[in-house]
Structures are given as C-alpha cells and as structure tokens.
N, C-alpha and C. Protein backbone atom coordinates (compact mmCIF):
# COMPACT_ATOMS: atom_id res chain seq x y z
N MET A 1 24.60 -6.41 4.36
CA MET A 1 23.76 -7.52 4.34
C MET A 1 24.24 -8.60 3.52
N LYS A 2 24.44 -7.98 2.17
CA LYS A 2 24.76 -8.88 1.02
C LYS A 2 26.27 -9.29 1.46
N GLN A 3 27.16 -8.63 1.69
CA GLN A 3 28.57 -8.63 2.28
C GLN A 3 28.56 -9.93 3.32
N ALA A 4 27.77 -9.64 4.46
CA ALA A 4 27.68 -10.29 5.66
C ALA A 4 27.29 -11.82 5.24
N GLN A 5 26.28 -11.84 4.22
CA GLN A 5 25.82 -13.18 3.43
C GLN A 5 27.01 -13.87 3.16
N ARG A 6 27.89 -13.15 2.27
CA ARG A 6 28.64 -13.68 1.50
C ARG A 6 30.21 -14.16 2.36
N HIS A 7 30.16 -13.69 3.49
CA HIS A 7 31.30 -14.00 4.41
C HIS A 7 30.76 -15.31 4.98
N LEU A 8 29.65 -15.37 5.43
CA LEU A 8 28.78 -16.69 5.90
C LEU A 8 28.90 -17.69 4.91
N SER A 9 28.87 -17.44 3.69
CA SER A 9 28.87 -18.72 2.73
C SER A 9 30.28 -18.97 2.44
N ARG A 10 31.32 -18.41 2.70
CA ARG A 10 32.50 -18.94 2.60
C ARG A 10 33.30 -19.72 3.87
N LYS A 11 32.35 -19.66 4.73
CA LYS A 11 33.09 -20.30 6.22
C LYS A 11 32.83 -21.60 6.07
N LYS A 12 33.58 -22.53 6.70
CA LYS A 12 33.66 -24.10 6.74
C LYS A 12 32.39 -24.02 7.98
N LYS A 13 31.75 -25.28 7.44
CA LYS A 13 30.40 -25.70 8.32
C LYS A 13 30.98 -26.30 9.44
N GLY A 14 30.18 -26.04 10.57
CA GLY A 14 30.81 -26.40 12.06
C GLY A 14 31.92 -25.42 12.70
N SER A 15 32.37 -24.51 11.95
CA SER A 15 33.55 -23.86 12.71
C SER A 15 33.04 -22.81 13.54
N SER A 16 33.81 -22.23 14.34
CA SER A 16 33.25 -21.29 15.35
C SER A 16 33.18 -19.78 14.71
N ARG A 17 34.00 -19.68 13.56
CA ARG A 17 33.77 -18.50 12.79
C ARG A 17 32.35 -18.41 12.10
N ARG A 18 32.04 -19.65 11.52
CA ARG A 18 30.73 -19.71 10.76
C ARG A 18 29.65 -19.26 11.71
N LYS A 19 29.86 -19.63 13.16
CA LYS A 19 28.77 -19.38 14.11
C LYS A 19 28.65 -17.67 14.24
N LYS A 20 29.90 -17.32 14.33
CA LYS A 20 30.05 -16.00 14.46
C LYS A 20 29.29 -15.25 13.37
N ALA A 21 29.84 -15.31 12.17
CA ALA A 21 28.90 -14.92 10.90
C ALA A 21 27.72 -14.99 10.64
N LYS A 22 27.24 -16.24 11.24
CA LYS A 22 25.73 -16.45 11.36
C LYS A 22 24.89 -15.90 12.24
N LEU A 23 25.88 -15.28 13.29
CA LEU A 23 25.05 -14.45 14.22
C LEU A 23 24.95 -12.81 13.85
N LYS A 24 26.02 -12.52 13.08
CA LYS A 24 25.99 -11.30 12.45
C LYS A 24 25.08 -11.14 11.41
N VAL A 25 24.77 -12.00 10.43
CA VAL A 25 23.66 -11.91 9.28
C VAL A 25 22.44 -12.06 10.14
N ALA A 26 22.18 -12.77 11.14
CA ALA A 26 20.81 -12.72 11.99
C ALA A 26 20.44 -11.33 12.78
N ARG A 27 21.78 -10.69 13.09
CA ARG A 27 21.48 -9.57 13.78
C ARG A 27 21.06 -8.45 12.61
N ILE A 28 21.77 -8.47 11.59
CA ILE A 28 21.41 -7.59 10.56
C ILE A 28 20.00 -7.87 9.87
N HIS A 29 19.45 -8.98 9.84
CA HIS A 29 18.07 -9.33 9.49
C HIS A 29 17.30 -8.78 10.53
N ASN A 30 17.63 -8.68 11.67
CA ASN A 30 16.60 -8.31 12.92
C ASN A 30 16.59 -6.81 12.72
N GLN A 31 17.66 -6.44 12.58
CA GLN A 31 17.74 -4.62 12.33
C GLN A 31 16.85 -4.11 11.57
N ILE A 32 16.73 -4.94 10.07
CA ILE A 32 16.08 -4.55 8.89
C ILE A 32 14.53 -4.90 9.12
N ALA A 33 14.20 -5.87 9.98
CA ALA A 33 13.03 -6.08 10.18
C ALA A 33 12.30 -5.11 11.29
N ASN A 34 12.93 -4.72 12.35
CA ASN A 34 12.66 -3.54 13.12
C ASN A 34 12.56 -2.30 12.67
N ARG A 35 13.34 -2.03 11.57
CA ARG A 35 13.26 -0.61 10.79
C ARG A 35 12.02 -0.90 9.99
N ARG A 36 11.65 -1.89 9.55
CA ARG A 36 10.46 -1.57 8.41
C ARG A 36 9.22 -1.71 9.62
N LYS A 37 9.10 -2.34 10.67
CA LYS A 37 7.99 -2.24 11.57
C LYS A 37 8.06 -0.71 12.04
N HIS A 38 9.13 -0.14 12.41
CA HIS A 38 9.06 1.20 13.06
C HIS A 38 8.42 1.83 12.05
N PHE A 39 8.95 1.75 10.68
CA PHE A 39 8.45 2.91 9.55
C PHE A 39 6.97 2.71 9.45
N ILE A 40 6.38 1.40 9.38
CA ILE A 40 5.05 1.35 9.25
C ILE A 40 4.30 1.68 10.38
N GLN A 41 4.45 1.47 11.58
CA GLN A 41 3.89 2.15 12.69
C GLN A 41 3.99 3.63 12.81
N GLU A 42 5.10 4.41 12.33
CA GLU A 42 5.18 5.61 12.19
C GLU A 42 4.19 6.17 10.93
N LYS A 43 4.54 5.64 9.81
CA LYS A 43 3.46 6.19 8.70
C LYS A 43 2.12 5.93 8.87
N THR A 44 1.54 4.74 9.52
CA THR A 44 0.09 4.48 9.58
C THR A 44 -0.57 5.13 10.85
N THR A 45 0.22 5.57 12.13
CA THR A 45 -0.04 6.55 13.05
C THR A 45 -0.12 8.07 12.57
N GLU A 46 0.73 8.59 11.64
CA GLU A 46 0.53 9.70 11.07
C GLU A 46 -0.75 10.13 10.15
N ILE A 47 -0.96 8.85 9.44
CA ILE A 47 -2.14 8.88 8.38
C ILE A 47 -3.19 8.83 9.45
N ILE A 48 -3.37 7.86 10.35
CA ILE A 48 -4.55 7.79 11.03
C ILE A 48 -4.88 9.29 11.89
N ASN A 49 -3.85 9.99 12.44
CA ASN A 49 -4.06 11.21 13.20
C ASN A 49 -4.44 12.30 11.92
N ARG A 50 -3.93 12.30 10.96
CA ARG A 50 -4.22 13.14 9.82
C ARG A 50 -5.67 13.05 9.26
N TYR A 51 -6.22 11.94 9.05
CA TYR A 51 -7.61 11.61 8.30
C TYR A 51 -8.45 10.95 9.13
N ASP A 52 -9.49 11.18 8.85
CA ASP A 52 -10.64 10.59 9.82
C ASP A 52 -11.49 9.29 8.63
N PHE A 53 -11.13 9.50 7.51
CA PHE A 53 -11.51 8.70 6.69
C PHE A 53 -10.50 8.29 5.49
N ILE A 54 -10.29 6.97 5.19
CA ILE A 54 -9.23 6.70 4.37
C ILE A 54 -9.77 5.56 3.50
N GLY A 55 -9.64 5.93 2.28
CA GLY A 55 -9.59 4.88 1.12
C GLY A 55 -8.28 4.21 0.51
N ILE A 56 -8.36 2.88 0.62
CA ILE A 56 -7.09 2.10 0.16
C ILE A 56 -7.48 1.16 -0.89
N GLU A 57 -6.53 1.27 -1.93
CA GLU A 57 -6.87 0.16 -3.24
C GLU A 57 -6.47 -1.15 -2.68
N ASP A 58 -7.25 -2.20 -3.05
CA ASP A 58 -6.60 -3.61 -3.03
C ASP A 58 -5.73 -3.64 -4.12
N LEU A 59 -4.57 -4.17 -3.79
CA LEU A 59 -3.84 -4.39 -4.97
C LEU A 59 -3.40 -5.87 -5.24
N ASN A 60 -3.10 -6.32 -6.44
CA ASN A 60 -2.98 -7.72 -6.77
C ASN A 60 -1.21 -7.88 -6.78
N VAL A 61 -0.79 -8.14 -5.14
CA VAL A 61 0.37 -8.12 -4.71
C VAL A 61 1.21 -9.26 -5.43
N ALA A 62 0.47 -10.35 -5.32
CA ALA A 62 1.11 -11.76 -5.80
C ALA A 62 1.41 -11.61 -7.59
N GLY A 63 0.55 -10.81 -8.16
CA GLY A 63 0.86 -10.56 -9.56
C GLY A 63 1.79 -9.85 -9.74
N MET A 64 1.91 -8.61 -9.09
CA MET A 64 3.15 -7.47 -9.12
C MET A 64 4.32 -8.24 -8.84
N VAL A 65 4.51 -9.12 -7.83
CA VAL A 65 5.87 -9.84 -7.26
C VAL A 65 6.34 -10.54 -8.51
N LYS A 66 5.57 -11.09 -9.60
CA LYS A 66 6.02 -11.79 -10.61
C LYS A 66 6.88 -11.10 -11.50
N ASN A 67 6.83 -9.80 -11.61
CA ASN A 67 7.55 -9.05 -12.26
C ASN A 67 8.94 -9.07 -11.73
N HIS A 68 9.95 -9.75 -12.33
CA HIS A 68 11.23 -9.75 -11.30
C HIS A 68 12.06 -8.52 -11.26
N LYS A 69 11.66 -7.34 -12.08
CA LYS A 69 12.37 -6.11 -11.52
C LYS A 69 11.82 -5.70 -10.56
N LEU A 70 10.54 -5.57 -10.20
CA LEU A 70 9.87 -4.90 -9.11
C LEU A 70 9.75 -5.67 -7.73
N ALA A 71 9.87 -7.01 -8.22
CA ALA A 71 9.47 -8.02 -6.92
C ALA A 71 10.41 -7.84 -5.76
N LYS A 72 11.47 -7.37 -5.64
CA LYS A 72 12.41 -7.27 -4.46
C LYS A 72 11.62 -5.83 -3.62
N SER A 73 11.37 -4.93 -4.56
CA SER A 73 10.85 -3.70 -3.83
C SER A 73 9.60 -3.74 -3.44
N ILE A 74 8.73 -4.76 -4.14
CA ILE A 74 7.08 -4.81 -3.69
C ILE A 74 7.29 -5.57 -2.36
N SER A 75 8.23 -6.59 -2.33
CA SER A 75 8.09 -7.51 -1.02
C SER A 75 8.83 -6.63 0.02
N ASP A 76 9.63 -5.93 0.03
CA ASP A 76 10.02 -4.90 0.97
C ASP A 76 8.96 -3.95 1.48
N ALA A 77 8.05 -3.62 0.77
CA ALA A 77 7.07 -2.59 0.93
C ALA A 77 6.09 -3.32 2.28
N ALA A 78 6.12 -4.73 2.15
CA ALA A 78 5.06 -5.29 3.27
C ALA A 78 3.68 -4.49 3.28
N PHE A 79 2.97 -4.67 2.15
CA PHE A 79 1.60 -4.10 2.18
C PHE A 79 0.76 -4.69 2.94
N ALA A 80 0.84 -6.13 3.19
CA ALA A 80 -0.05 -6.60 4.01
C ALA A 80 -0.15 -6.26 5.64
N GLU A 81 1.28 -5.86 6.00
CA GLU A 81 1.71 -5.59 7.20
C GLU A 81 1.29 -4.08 7.39
N PHE A 82 1.22 -3.41 6.55
CA PHE A 82 0.90 -1.78 6.34
C PHE A 82 -0.72 -1.65 6.74
N TYR A 83 -1.28 -2.39 5.61
CA TYR A 83 -2.95 -2.66 5.80
C TYR A 83 -3.32 -2.96 7.26
N SER A 84 -2.77 -4.13 7.55
CA SER A 84 -3.35 -4.72 8.98
C SER A 84 -2.79 -3.58 10.17
N ALA A 85 -1.90 -2.79 10.05
CA ALA A 85 -1.41 -1.80 11.24
C ALA A 85 -2.71 -0.61 11.10
N LEU A 86 -2.97 -0.41 9.95
CA LEU A 86 -3.99 0.82 9.43
C LEU A 86 -5.36 0.43 10.11
N ILE A 87 -5.62 -0.68 9.75
CA ILE A 87 -6.92 -1.27 10.17
C ILE A 87 -7.03 -1.20 11.71
N TYR A 88 -6.05 -1.94 12.43
CA TYR A 88 -6.27 -1.86 13.90
C TYR A 88 -6.04 -0.44 14.56
N LYS A 89 -5.29 0.43 14.12
CA LYS A 89 -5.30 1.63 14.57
C LYS A 89 -6.35 2.62 14.25
N ALA A 90 -7.18 2.41 13.07
CA ALA A 90 -8.42 2.71 12.72
C ALA A 90 -9.43 2.66 13.55
N ALA A 91 -9.55 1.43 14.29
CA ALA A 91 -10.53 0.90 15.27
C ALA A 91 -10.12 1.37 16.58
N TRP A 92 -9.05 1.29 16.93
CA TRP A 92 -8.42 2.14 18.16
C TRP A 92 -9.15 3.56 18.18
N TYR A 93 -8.91 4.39 17.03
CA TYR A 93 -9.25 5.68 17.27
C TYR A 93 -10.42 6.17 16.54
N GLY A 94 -11.29 5.09 16.02
CA GLY A 94 -12.78 5.44 15.59
C GLY A 94 -12.51 6.27 14.38
N LYS A 95 -11.55 5.62 13.39
CA LYS A 95 -11.41 6.25 12.31
C LYS A 95 -12.19 5.20 11.11
N GLU A 96 -12.39 5.38 10.06
CA GLU A 96 -12.91 4.41 8.74
C GLU A 96 -11.93 4.31 7.61
N VAL A 97 -11.74 2.78 7.55
CA VAL A 97 -10.69 2.41 6.22
C VAL A 97 -11.56 1.74 5.34
N VAL A 98 -11.75 2.04 4.35
CA VAL A 98 -12.44 1.27 3.31
C VAL A 98 -11.60 0.81 2.19
N LYS A 99 -11.55 -0.37 1.92
CA LYS A 99 -10.52 -0.99 0.71
C LYS A 99 -11.45 -1.04 -0.49
N VAL A 100 -10.96 -0.40 -1.77
CA VAL A 100 -11.66 -0.24 -2.90
C VAL A 100 -10.91 -1.69 -3.60
N ASP A 101 -11.95 -2.10 -4.46
CA ASP A 101 -11.83 -3.27 -5.26
C ASP A 101 -10.55 -2.90 -6.29
N ARG A 102 -9.66 -4.20 -6.40
CA ARG A 102 -8.56 -4.14 -7.15
C ARG A 102 -9.04 -4.00 -8.61
N TRP A 103 -10.07 -4.34 -9.19
CA TRP A 103 -10.54 -4.31 -10.51
C TRP A 103 -11.31 -2.86 -10.89
N PHE A 104 -11.43 -2.05 -9.81
CA PHE A 104 -11.93 -0.49 -10.09
C PHE A 104 -10.47 0.10 -10.98
N ALA A 105 -10.97 0.45 -11.98
CA ALA A 105 -10.11 1.34 -12.97
C ALA A 105 -9.69 2.71 -12.43
N SER A 106 -9.04 2.88 -11.43
CA SER A 106 -8.76 4.27 -10.80
C SER A 106 -7.87 5.06 -11.88
N SER A 107 -6.93 4.45 -12.16
CA SER A 107 -6.04 5.18 -13.19
C SER A 107 -6.51 5.94 -14.53
N LYS A 108 -7.74 4.87 -14.93
CA LYS A 108 -8.06 5.04 -16.19
C LYS A 108 -9.16 5.88 -16.23
N ILE A 109 -9.62 6.50 -15.20
CA ILE A 109 -11.05 7.18 -15.16
C ILE A 109 -10.66 8.54 -14.92
N CYS A 110 -11.41 9.80 -15.53
CA CYS A 110 -11.12 10.99 -15.30
C CYS A 110 -11.91 11.49 -13.99
N SER A 111 -11.12 12.00 -12.99
CA SER A 111 -11.75 12.10 -11.47
C SER A 111 -12.70 13.40 -11.53
N CYS A 112 -12.99 14.01 -12.76
CA CYS A 112 -13.79 15.14 -13.20
C CYS A 112 -15.04 14.61 -13.43
N CYS A 113 -14.92 13.91 -14.74
CA CYS A 113 -16.26 14.07 -15.29
C CYS A 113 -16.51 12.31 -15.65
N GLY A 114 -15.48 11.46 -15.27
CA GLY A 114 -15.94 10.16 -15.32
C GLY A 114 -15.47 9.28 -16.50
N TRP A 115 -14.83 10.11 -17.36
CA TRP A 115 -14.51 9.44 -18.69
C TRP A 115 -13.45 8.53 -18.27
N LYS A 116 -13.75 7.29 -19.28
CA LYS A 116 -12.74 6.34 -19.37
C LYS A 116 -11.92 6.15 -20.30
N ASN A 117 -10.26 6.01 -20.06
CA ASN A 117 -9.37 6.39 -21.21
C ASN A 117 -8.82 4.69 -21.15
N GLU A 118 -9.13 3.90 -22.33
CA GLU A 118 -8.94 2.58 -22.16
C GLU A 118 -7.65 2.31 -22.90
N ASN A 119 -7.09 3.33 -23.52
CA ASN A 119 -5.83 3.16 -24.21
C ASN A 119 -4.86 3.77 -23.20
N LEU A 120 -4.89 3.66 -22.22
CA LEU A 120 -3.82 4.26 -20.80
C LEU A 120 -2.89 3.25 -20.68
N THR A 121 -1.60 3.35 -20.94
CA THR A 121 -0.56 2.32 -20.38
C THR A 121 0.32 2.66 -19.32
N LEU A 122 0.81 1.75 -18.68
CA LEU A 122 1.53 1.94 -17.53
C LEU A 122 2.54 3.24 -17.34
N SER A 123 3.27 3.17 -19.02
CA SER A 123 4.41 4.09 -19.10
C SER A 123 3.73 5.46 -19.39
N ASP A 124 2.37 5.84 -19.30
CA ASP A 124 1.86 7.22 -19.49
C ASP A 124 1.81 7.73 -18.11
N ARG A 125 2.57 8.77 -17.71
CA ARG A 125 2.51 9.28 -16.33
C ARG A 125 1.65 10.43 -16.13
N VAL A 126 1.03 10.98 -17.10
CA VAL A 126 0.09 12.16 -17.07
C VAL A 126 -1.33 11.62 -17.68
N PHE A 127 -2.48 11.81 -17.02
CA PHE A 127 -3.74 11.31 -17.39
C PHE A 127 -4.24 12.69 -18.19
N GLU A 128 -4.72 12.39 -19.41
CA GLU A 128 -5.37 13.41 -20.27
C GLU A 128 -6.76 12.95 -20.72
N CYS A 129 -7.79 13.72 -20.39
CA CYS A 129 -9.27 13.60 -20.22
C CYS A 129 -9.57 14.12 -21.68
N LEU A 130 -9.81 13.22 -22.81
CA LEU A 130 -10.08 13.71 -24.17
C LEU A 130 -11.60 14.46 -24.08
N ALA A 131 -12.58 14.08 -23.08
CA ALA A 131 -13.93 14.62 -23.02
C ALA A 131 -13.88 16.07 -22.34
N PHE A 132 -13.01 16.02 -21.06
CA PHE A 132 -13.22 17.09 -20.36
C PHE A 132 -11.77 18.17 -20.59
N GLY A 133 -10.86 17.52 -20.98
CA GLY A 133 -9.77 18.37 -21.41
C GLY A 133 -8.76 18.68 -20.05
N LEU A 134 -9.02 17.73 -19.31
CA LEU A 134 -7.99 17.81 -18.00
C LEU A 134 -6.86 17.07 -18.20
N LYS A 135 -5.68 17.73 -17.61
CA LYS A 135 -4.40 16.89 -17.55
C LYS A 135 -3.92 17.10 -16.30
N LYS A 136 -3.57 15.79 -15.65
CA LYS A 136 -3.33 15.65 -14.31
C LYS A 136 -2.22 14.34 -14.19
N ASP A 137 -1.56 14.60 -13.20
CA ASP A 137 -0.70 13.55 -12.92
C ASP A 137 -1.32 12.06 -12.63
N ARG A 138 -0.90 11.19 -13.16
CA ARG A 138 -1.69 9.80 -13.20
C ARG A 138 -2.08 9.42 -11.92
N ASP A 139 -1.07 9.31 -11.21
CA ASP A 139 -1.33 9.10 -9.59
C ASP A 139 -1.98 9.79 -8.77
N LEU A 140 -2.14 11.12 -9.07
CA LEU A 140 -2.98 12.24 -8.29
C LEU A 140 -4.41 11.81 -8.77
N ASN A 141 -4.62 11.57 -10.04
CA ASN A 141 -5.94 11.28 -10.58
C ASN A 141 -6.63 10.07 -9.98
N ALA A 142 -5.72 9.02 -10.10
CA ALA A 142 -5.83 7.91 -9.15
C ALA A 142 -6.16 7.88 -7.88
N SER A 143 -5.65 8.71 -7.16
CA SER A 143 -5.96 8.79 -5.60
C SER A 143 -7.44 9.33 -5.48
N GLU A 144 -7.56 10.39 -6.43
CA GLU A 144 -8.87 11.03 -6.09
C GLU A 144 -10.21 10.19 -6.54
N ASN A 145 -9.84 9.29 -7.48
CA ASN A 145 -10.68 8.45 -8.11
C ASN A 145 -10.97 7.22 -6.73
N ILE A 146 -10.12 6.85 -6.32
CA ILE A 146 -10.05 5.83 -4.93
C ILE A 146 -10.71 6.42 -4.02
N LEU A 147 -10.53 7.83 -3.71
CA LEU A 147 -11.20 8.36 -2.44
C LEU A 147 -12.74 8.55 -2.80
N LYS A 148 -13.23 8.76 -4.05
CA LYS A 148 -14.47 8.98 -4.34
C LYS A 148 -15.18 7.43 -4.46
N GLU A 149 -14.41 6.62 -4.92
CA GLU A 149 -15.11 5.16 -4.99
C GLU A 149 -15.25 4.64 -3.52
N ALA A 150 -14.17 4.80 -2.65
CA ALA A 150 -14.31 4.59 -1.28
C ALA A 150 -15.56 5.12 -0.47
N LEU A 151 -15.83 6.18 -0.66
CA LEU A 151 -17.10 7.05 -0.15
C LEU A 151 -18.04 6.35 -0.74
N ARG A 152 -18.26 6.32 -1.92
CA ARG A 152 -19.34 5.60 -2.56
C ARG A 152 -19.55 3.98 -2.04
N VAL A 153 -18.73 3.39 -1.77
CA VAL A 153 -18.59 1.92 -1.31
C VAL A 153 -18.96 2.02 0.37
N ASN A 154 -18.55 3.25 1.01
CA ASN A 154 -18.78 3.03 2.42
C ASN A 154 -20.17 3.57 2.46
N SER A 155 -20.86 4.41 1.83
CA SER A 155 -22.44 4.86 1.72
C SER A 155 -22.99 3.72 1.50
N ALA A 156 -22.77 2.75 0.45
CA ALA A 156 -23.72 1.65 0.02
C ALA A 156 -23.64 0.71 1.13
N ILE A 157 -22.30 0.51 2.14
CA ILE A 157 -22.33 -0.56 3.14
C ILE A 157 -23.18 -0.31 4.34
N ARG A 158 -23.42 0.98 4.34
CA ARG A 158 -24.32 1.53 5.67
C ARG A 158 -25.56 1.17 5.54
N THR A 159 -26.55 0.38 6.45
CA THR A 159 -27.63 0.40 6.47
C THR A 159 -28.49 1.47 6.80
N PRO A 160 -29.70 1.62 6.26
CA PRO A 160 -30.47 2.38 6.77
C PRO A 160 -30.82 3.06 8.23
N SER A 161 -30.66 1.71 9.29
CA SER A 161 -30.75 2.32 10.57
C SER A 161 -29.65 2.81 11.00
N GLU A 162 -28.25 2.70 10.63
CA GLU A 162 -27.09 3.27 10.94
C GLU A 162 -27.31 4.67 10.23
N CYS A 163 -27.73 4.90 9.22
CA CYS A 163 -27.57 6.26 8.83
C CYS A 163 -28.66 7.01 9.60
N GLN A 164 -29.72 6.29 10.06
CA GLN A 164 -30.62 7.18 10.93
C GLN A 164 -30.29 7.69 12.36
N THR A 165 -29.43 6.90 12.73
CA THR A 165 -28.72 6.85 14.06
C THR A 165 -27.79 8.03 13.96
N GLN A 166 -27.01 8.27 12.87
CA GLN A 166 -26.09 9.08 12.86
C GLN A 166 -26.70 10.49 12.39
N ILE A 167 -28.03 10.58 11.79
CA ILE A 167 -28.66 11.95 11.84
C ILE A 167 -28.96 12.54 12.94
N ALA A 168 -29.46 11.49 13.83
CA ALA A 168 -30.27 12.02 15.33
C ALA A 168 -29.08 12.39 16.25
C-alpha cells in the first residue's frame, strides 16, 4: 500500500501511468476493506454461535484515537462496524447483546469481592486485590466484571411483565 501510494505520488498528473497507478492504489484499498469486512463477519458469527448472552464495553474510541501511537491500530479495528454486525446477527439468531457504560471501572474492580483499586494504571498488567488477595490478569478480571455488569444491567432493563412471561 505504502509503496503503491509512493509510486502514485511520483507520477505526472494527467498521464496514463498515473491513471494505472491510481487504479492499483484503489484496488489495494478495496482488498484491505474486503479483508476487514470478512474478518468482522467471521468473528461476529463465531461469537454469536458460541454465546447466547454477550456483554460488550462501550469504549471512548474518539479519545483513544487521540493517542498518536495507537490511533492507526484503533482506527483499523473498526469497533463501530464490529458492534453493528454483532447487534444485527444477535437479532437474527435470538441472542442478547448488552453494552456496558464506558464509565464503569471494569479494570479497577476485583471480580471476586468488588474492592476497587483506585491506583491502578495502564502499565499494570496484573490486577492485585488487597482486600481478597486475588492476583489475576487485568484483562481477564475486566472481562469478568463486564459480564457481571451486563447481566446486572440486563436484569434491570427487563420489565416485571417480561420476567413473568419467561417464568411461565
């Protein structure tokens, strides 16, 4: 991609070689877009087939993109496209997807006892609970907390009439 764009920039405007180089760059862009769409479709289908209930964290993508070291990787991930594909597939297959609030401190809370570590930084990769003595990978701890919060939010969203129809 980088090389094809460099070749394009060196061509004289209006020339037939520039048109060919422009087509080559467009083809590469199309291939990358198709690969991304294929990956998203494949992974969302895999998730939907594996799980009946999915809790997903609402991320501040606009804020994350401001970090120039991570911006390209975050933009390439296409979180919004992934989420929308997950939502429509869940509706097709009768599964549930619940979005957890972005301000929920999933990484800072102990998944066992609920103690909150206010001093946790991004460089800390292991969560250590001082109250319970738990040592766990930070991301694993956060995923368990997101699931618990999604289940709590889901039960709060349901109305009493919906709960009664499910019991019957």
